[in-house]
PDB file of N, CA and C in Angstrom:
ATOM      1  N   MET A   1      -5.432 -28.105   6.253  1.00  0.00           N
ATOM      2  CA  MET A   1      -5.152 -27.312   5.085  1.00  0.00           C
ATOM      3  C   MET A   1      -5.857 -25.958   5.195  1.00  0.00           C
ATOM      4  N   MET A   2      -5.088 -24.870   5.022  1.00  0.00           N
ATOM      5  CA  MET A   2      -5.662 -23.529   5.073  1.00  0.00           C
ATOM      6  C   MET A   2      -6.165 -23.116   3.704  1.00  0.00           C
ATOM      7  N   GLU A   3      -7.326 -22.539   3.696  1.00  0.00           N
ATOM      8  CA  GLU A   3      -7.861 -21.989   2.461  1.00  0.00           C
ATOM      9  C   GLU A   3      -7.813 -20.481   2.552  1.00  0.00           C
ATOM     10  N   TYR A   4      -7.636 -19.846   1.431  1.00  0.00           N
ATOM     11  CA  TYR A   4      -7.624 -18.401   1.404  1.00  0.00           C
ATOM     12  C   TYR A   4      -8.228 -17.918   0.098  1.00  0.00           C
ATOM     13  N   GLU A   5      -8.547 -16.661   0.102  1.00  0.00           N
ATOM     14  CA  GLU A   5      -9.111 -16.047  -1.087  1.00  0.00           C
ATOM     15  C   GLU A   5      -8.248 -14.850  -1.441  1.00  0.00           C
ATOM     16  N   GLU A   6      -7.990 -14.686  -2.701  1.00  0.00           N
ATOM     17  CA  GLU A   6      -7.178 -13.568  -3.156  1.00  0.00           C
ATOM     18  C   GLU A   6      -8.002 -12.686  -4.080  1.00  0.00           C
ATOM     19  N   ASN A   7      -7.952 -11.375  -3.817  1.00  0.00           N
ATOM     20  CA  ASN A   7      -8.635 -10.404  -4.660  1.00  0.00           C
ATOM     21  C   ASN A   7      -7.630  -9.347  -5.086  1.00  0.00           C
ATOM     22  N   VAL A   8      -7.822  -8.813  -6.254  1.00  0.00           N
ATOM     23  CA  VAL A   8      -6.981  -7.733  -6.748  1.00  0.00           C
ATOM     24  C   VAL A   8      -7.839  -6.481  -6.837  1.00  0.00           C
ATOM     25  N   ILE A   9      -7.349  -5.405  -6.221  1.00  0.00           N
ATOM     26  CA  ILE A   9      -8.085  -4.143  -6.238  1.00  0.00           C
ATOM     27  C   ILE A   9      -7.151  -3.062  -6.768  1.00  0.00           C
ATOM     28  N   MET A  10      -7.630  -2.298  -7.705  1.00  0.00           N
ATOM     29  CA  MET A  10      -6.822  -1.228  -8.274  1.00  0.00           C
ATOM     30  C   MET A  10      -6.678  -0.097  -7.246  1.00  0.00           C
ATOM     31  N   TYR A  11      -5.522   0.540  -7.250  1.00  0.00           N
ATOM     32  CA  TYR A  11      -5.276   1.638  -6.300  1.00  0.00           C
ATOM     33  C   TYR A  11      -6.349   2.715  -6.397  1.00  0.00           C
ATOM     34  N   GLU A  12      -6.862   2.954  -7.590  1.00  0.00           N
ATOM     35  CA  GLU A  12      -7.871   3.991  -7.784  1.00  0.00           C
ATOM     36  C   GLU A  12      -9.165   3.700  -7.013  1.00  0.00           C
ATOM     37  N   LYS A  13      -9.378   2.444  -6.672  1.00  0.00           N
ATOM     38  CA  LYS A  13     -10.595   2.057  -5.947  1.00  0.00           C
ATOM     39  C   LYS A  13     -10.507   2.373  -4.453  1.00  0.00           C
ATOM     40  N   ILE A  14      -9.307   2.652  -3.966  1.00  0.00           N
ATOM     41  CA  ILE A  14      -9.146   3.011  -2.548  1.00  0.00           C
ATOM     42  C   ILE A  14      -9.570   4.459  -2.388  1.00  0.00           C
ATOM     43  N   THR A  15     -10.587   4.693  -1.567  1.00  0.00           N
ATOM     44  CA  THR A  15     -11.152   6.036  -1.406  1.00  0.00           C
ATOM     45  C   THR A  15     -10.679   6.731  -0.135  1.00  0.00           C
ATOM     46  N   GLU A  16     -10.163   5.955   0.815  1.00  0.00           N
ATOM     47  CA  GLU A  16      -9.725   6.535   2.088  1.00  0.00           C
ATOM     48  C   GLU A  16      -8.749   5.580   2.767  1.00  0.00           C
ATOM     49  N   ILE A  17      -7.756   6.151   3.431  1.00  0.00           N
ATOM     50  CA  ILE A  17      -6.797   5.366   4.207  1.00  0.00           C
ATOM     51  C   ILE A  17      -6.867   5.867   5.643  1.00  0.00           C
ATOM     52  N   LYS A  18      -7.082   4.948   6.576  1.00  0.00           N
ATOM     53  CA  LYS A  18      -7.121   5.311   7.995  1.00  0.00           C
ATOM     54  C   LYS A  18      -6.153   4.429   8.760  1.00  0.00           C
ATOM     55  N   LEU A  19      -5.595   4.989   9.804  1.00  0.00           N
ATOM     56  CA  LEU A  19      -4.635   4.285  10.634  1.00  0.00           C
ATOM     57  C   LEU A  19      -5.101   4.339  12.074  1.00  0.00           C
ATOM     58  N   SER A  20      -5.089   3.193  12.743  1.00  0.00           N
ATOM     59  CA  SER A  20      -5.403   3.135  14.170  1.00  0.00           C
ATOM     60  C   SER A  20      -4.261   2.419  14.875  1.00  0.00           C
ATOM     61  N   ASP A  21      -4.386   2.260  16.180  1.00  0.00           N
ATOM     62  CA  ASP A  21      -3.366   1.540  16.948  1.00  0.00           C
ATOM     63  C   ASP A  21      -3.345   0.056  16.606  1.00  0.00           C
ATOM     64  N   GLU A  22      -4.416  -0.430  15.985  1.00  0.00           N
ATOM     65  CA  GLU A  22      -4.531  -1.856  15.725  1.00  0.00           C
ATOM     66  C   GLU A  22      -4.441  -2.255  14.250  1.00  0.00           C
ATOM     67  N   ALA A  23      -4.668  -1.301  13.329  1.00  0.00           N
ATOM     68  CA  ALA A  23      -4.700  -1.687  11.910  1.00  0.00           C
ATOM     69  C   ALA A  23      -4.568  -0.493  10.985  1.00  0.00           C
ATOM     70  N   VAL A  24      -4.270  -0.809   9.723  1.00  0.00           N
ATOM     71  CA  VAL A  24      -4.352   0.149   8.621  1.00  0.00           C
ATOM     72  C   VAL A  24      -5.597  -0.249   7.839  1.00  0.00           C
ATOM     73  N   TYR A  25      -6.471   0.722   7.581  1.00  0.00           N
ATOM     74  CA  TYR A  25      -7.732   0.457   6.888  1.00  0.00           C
ATOM     75  C   TYR A  25      -7.690   1.115   5.514  1.00  0.00           C
ATOM     76  N   LEU A  26      -7.947   0.326   4.491  1.00  0.00           N
ATOM     77  CA  LEU A  26      -7.997   0.824   3.121  1.00  0.00           C
ATOM     78  C   LEU A  26      -9.448   0.727   2.658  1.00  0.00           C
ATOM     79  N   PHE A  27     -10.142   1.845   2.654  1.00  0.00           N
ATOM     80  CA  PHE A  27     -11.557   1.847   2.306  1.00  0.00           C
ATOM     81  C   PHE A  27     -11.757   1.870   0.793  1.00  0.00           C
ATOM     82  N   THR A  28     -12.647   1.007   0.331  1.00  0.00           N
ATOM     83  CA  THR A  28     -13.026   0.983  -1.073  1.00  0.00           C
ATOM     84  C   THR A  28     -14.476   1.431  -1.262  1.00  0.00           C
ATOM     85  N   ALA A  29     -15.172   1.625  -0.156  1.00  0.00           N
ATOM     86  CA  ALA A  29     -16.545   2.136  -0.109  1.00  0.00           C
ATOM     87  C   ALA A  29     -16.759   2.618   1.324  1.00  0.00           C
ATOM     88  N   PRO A  30     -17.813   3.377   1.584  1.00  0.00           N
ATOM     89  CA  PRO A  30     -18.009   3.905   2.945  1.00  0.00           C
ATOM     90  C   PRO A  30     -17.996   2.849   4.055  1.00  0.00           C
ATOM     91  N   THR A  31     -18.487   1.657   3.771  1.00  0.00           N
ATOM     92  CA  THR A  31     -18.537   0.616   4.810  1.00  0.00           C
ATOM     93  C   THR A  31     -17.740  -0.634   4.451  1.00  0.00           C
ATOM     94  N   ILE A  32     -16.864  -0.533   3.467  1.00  0.00           N
ATOM     95  CA  ILE A  32     -16.050  -1.686   3.045  1.00  0.00           C
ATOM     96  C   ILE A  32     -14.576  -1.294   3.100  1.00  0.00           C
ATOM     97  N   ALA A  33     -13.802  -2.093   3.849  1.00  0.00           N
ATOM     98  CA  ALA A  33     -12.376  -1.787   3.981  1.00  0.00           C
ATOM     99  C   ALA A  33     -11.542  -3.059   3.960  1.00  0.00           C
ATOM    100  N   ILE A  34     -10.341  -2.908   3.446  1.00  0.00           N
ATOM    101  CA  ILE A  34      -9.322  -3.946   3.566  1.00  0.00           C
ATOM    102  C   ILE A  34      -8.592  -3.623   4.870  1.00  0.00           C
ATOM    103  N   ILE A  35      -8.512  -4.583   5.755  1.00  0.00           N
ATOM    104  CA  ILE A  35      -7.912  -4.347   7.073  1.00  0.00           C
ATOM    105  C   ILE A  35      -6.570  -5.054   7.145  1.00  0.00           C
ATOM    106  N   LEU A  36      -5.521  -4.274   7.393  1.00  0.00           N
ATOM    107  CA  LEU A  36      -4.172  -4.809   7.551  1.00  0.00           C
ATOM    108  C   LEU A  36      -3.794  -4.671   9.023  1.00  0.00           C
ATOM    109  N   PRO A  37      -3.839  -5.754   9.790  1.00  0.00           N
ATOM    110  CA  PRO A  37      -3.510  -5.676  11.212  1.00  0.00           C
ATOM    111  C   PRO A  37      -2.059  -5.212  11.414  1.00  0.00           C
ATOM    112  N   ILE A  38      -1.826  -4.409  12.425  1.00  0.00           N
ATOM    113  CA  ILE A  38      -0.484  -3.900  12.717  1.00  0.00           C
ATOM    114  C   ILE A  38       0.507  -5.045  12.906  1.00  0.00           C
ATOM    115  N   ARG A  39       0.057  -6.177  13.397  1.00  0.00           N
ATOM    116  CA  ARG A  39       0.961  -7.300  13.672  1.00  0.00           C
ATOM    117  C   ARG A  39       1.650  -7.853  12.421  1.00  0.00           C
ATOM    118  N   ILE A  40       1.152  -7.519  11.229  1.00  0.00           N
ATOM    119  CA  ILE A  40       1.791  -8.023  10.011  1.00  0.00           C
ATOM    120  C   ILE A  40       3.089  -7.289   9.695  1.00  0.00           C
ATOM    121  N   PHE A  41       3.295  -6.124  10.309  1.00  0.00           N
ATOM    122  CA  PHE A  41       4.495  -5.345  10.060  1.00  0.00           C
ATOM    123  C   PHE A  41       5.581  -5.726  11.050  1.00  0.00           C
ATOM    124  N   SER A  42       6.806  -5.873  10.569  1.00  0.00           N
ATOM    125  CA  SER A  42       7.911  -6.263  11.456  1.00  0.00           C
ATOM    126  C   SER A  42       8.302  -5.137  12.394  1.00  0.00           C
ATOM    127  N   ASP A  43       8.071  -3.892  11.965  1.00  0.00           N
ATOM    128  CA  ASP A  43       8.388  -2.745  12.822  1.00  0.00           C
ATOM    129  C   ASP A  43       7.671  -1.503  12.284  1.00  0.00           C
ATOM    130  N   THR A  44       7.818  -0.387  12.980  1.00  0.00           N
ATOM    131  CA  THR A  44       7.125   0.835  12.556  1.00  0.00           C
ATOM    132  C   THR A  44       7.668   1.366  11.237  1.00  0.00           C
ATOM    133  N   LYS A  45       8.939   1.110  10.955  1.00  0.00           N
ATOM    134  CA  LYS A  45       9.529   1.546   9.683  1.00  0.00           C
ATOM    135  C   LYS A  45       8.828   0.871   8.505  1.00  0.00           C
ATOM    136  N   GLU A  46       8.574  -0.417   8.633  1.00  0.00           N
ATOM    137  CA  GLU A  46       7.895  -1.148   7.560  1.00  0.00           C
ATOM    138  C   GLU A  46       6.471  -0.624   7.360  1.00  0.00           C
ATOM    139  N   LYS A  47       5.771  -0.346   8.455  1.00  0.00           N
ATOM    140  CA  LYS A  47       4.413   0.205   8.364  1.00  0.00           C
ATOM    141  C   LYS A  47       4.450   1.570   7.687  1.00  0.00           C
ATOM    142  N   LYS A  48       5.407   2.400   8.041  1.00  0.00           N
ATOM    143  CA  LYS A  48       5.551   3.729   7.447  1.00  0.00           C
ATOM    144  C   LYS A  48       5.852   3.623   5.954  1.00  0.00           C
ATOM    145  N   GLU A  49       6.701   2.688   5.572  1.00  0.00           N
ATOM    146  CA  GLU A  49       7.009   2.493   4.146  1.00  0.00           C
ATOM    147  C   GLU A  49       5.749   2.137   3.357  1.00  0.00           C
ATOM    148  N   LEU A  50       4.922   1.265   3.927  1.00  0.00           N
ATOM    149  CA  LEU A  50       3.684   0.889   3.237  1.00  0.00           C
ATOM    150  C   LEU A  50       2.724   2.069   3.155  1.00  0.00           C
ATOM    151  N   THR A  51       2.531   2.788   4.252  1.00  0.00           N
ATOM    152  CA  THR A  51       1.588   3.908   4.216  1.00  0.00           C
ATOM    153  C   THR A  51       2.076   5.006   3.274  1.00  0.00           C
ATOM    154  N   ASP A  52       3.381   5.265   3.232  1.00  0.00           N
ATOM    155  CA  ASP A  52       3.929   6.243   2.281  1.00  0.00           C
ATOM    156  C   ASP A  52       3.679   5.783   0.844  1.00  0.00           C
ATOM    157  N   PHE A  53       3.923   4.499   0.579  1.00  0.00           N
ATOM    158  CA  PHE A  53       3.689   3.930  -0.747  1.00  0.00           C
ATOM    159  C   PHE A  53       2.225   4.089  -1.153  1.00  0.00           C
ATOM    160  N   LEU A  54       1.309   3.755  -0.235  1.00  0.00           N
ATOM    161  CA  LEU A  54      -0.120   3.848  -0.539  1.00  0.00           C
ATOM    162  C   LEU A  54      -0.551   5.296  -0.764  1.00  0.00           C
ATOM    163  N   GLU A  55      -0.034   6.211   0.042  1.00  0.00           N
ATOM    164  CA  GLU A  55      -0.358   7.624  -0.154  1.00  0.00           C
ATOM    165  C   GLU A  55       0.093   8.090  -1.535  1.00  0.00           C
ATOM    166  N   ASN A  56       1.259   7.664  -1.945  1.00  0.00           N
ATOM    167  CA  ASN A  56       1.792   8.028  -3.258  1.00  0.00           C
ATOM    168  C   ASN A  56       0.947   7.446  -4.390  1.00  0.00           C
ATOM    169  N   LYS A  57       0.585   6.179  -4.282  1.00  0.00           N
ATOM    170  CA  LYS A  57      -0.182   5.506  -5.341  1.00  0.00           C
ATOM    171  C   LYS A  57      -1.619   6.009  -5.451  1.00  0.00           C
ATOM    172  N   THR A  58      -2.199   6.412  -4.300  1.00  0.00           N
ATOM    173  CA  THR A  58      -3.615   6.786  -4.293  1.00  0.00           C
ATOM    174  C   THR A  58      -3.848   8.286  -4.285  1.00  0.00           C
ATOM    175  N   ASN A  59      -2.801   9.064  -4.051  1.00  0.00           N
ATOM    176  CA  ASN A  59      -2.931  10.526  -3.877  1.00  0.00           C
ATOM    177  C   ASN A  59      -3.836  10.872  -2.700  1.00  0.00           C
ATOM    178  N   LEU A  60      -3.870  10.007  -1.705  1.00  0.00           N
ATOM    179  CA  LEU A  60      -4.625  10.239  -0.477  1.00  0.00           C
ATOM    180  C   LEU A  60      -3.639  10.452   0.665  1.00  0.00           C
ATOM    181  N   THR A  61      -4.122  11.041   1.753  1.00  0.00           N
ATOM    182  CA  THR A  61      -3.294  11.190   2.940  1.00  0.00           C
ATOM    183  C   THR A  61      -3.979  10.546   4.137  1.00  0.00           C
ATOM    184  N   LEU A  62      -3.176  10.181   5.111  1.00  0.00           N
ATOM    185  CA  LEU A  62      -3.730   9.588   6.334  1.00  0.00           C
ATOM    186  C   LEU A  62      -4.420  10.647   7.164  1.00  0.00           C
TER     187      LEU A  62
END
């Protein structure tokens, strides 16, 4: 049986968005980030849709 934990974070709490070859990082503090591995996206279009959505919601840019 897999256990998981779910947290809800308001978009306003995201202070920085970074993109690497391996993940999308959503920083909520200088040393705290939500890490979304690239492998979760079915293709680059899906990753782009998410990053565009996040940029719009947070008023941040990559």
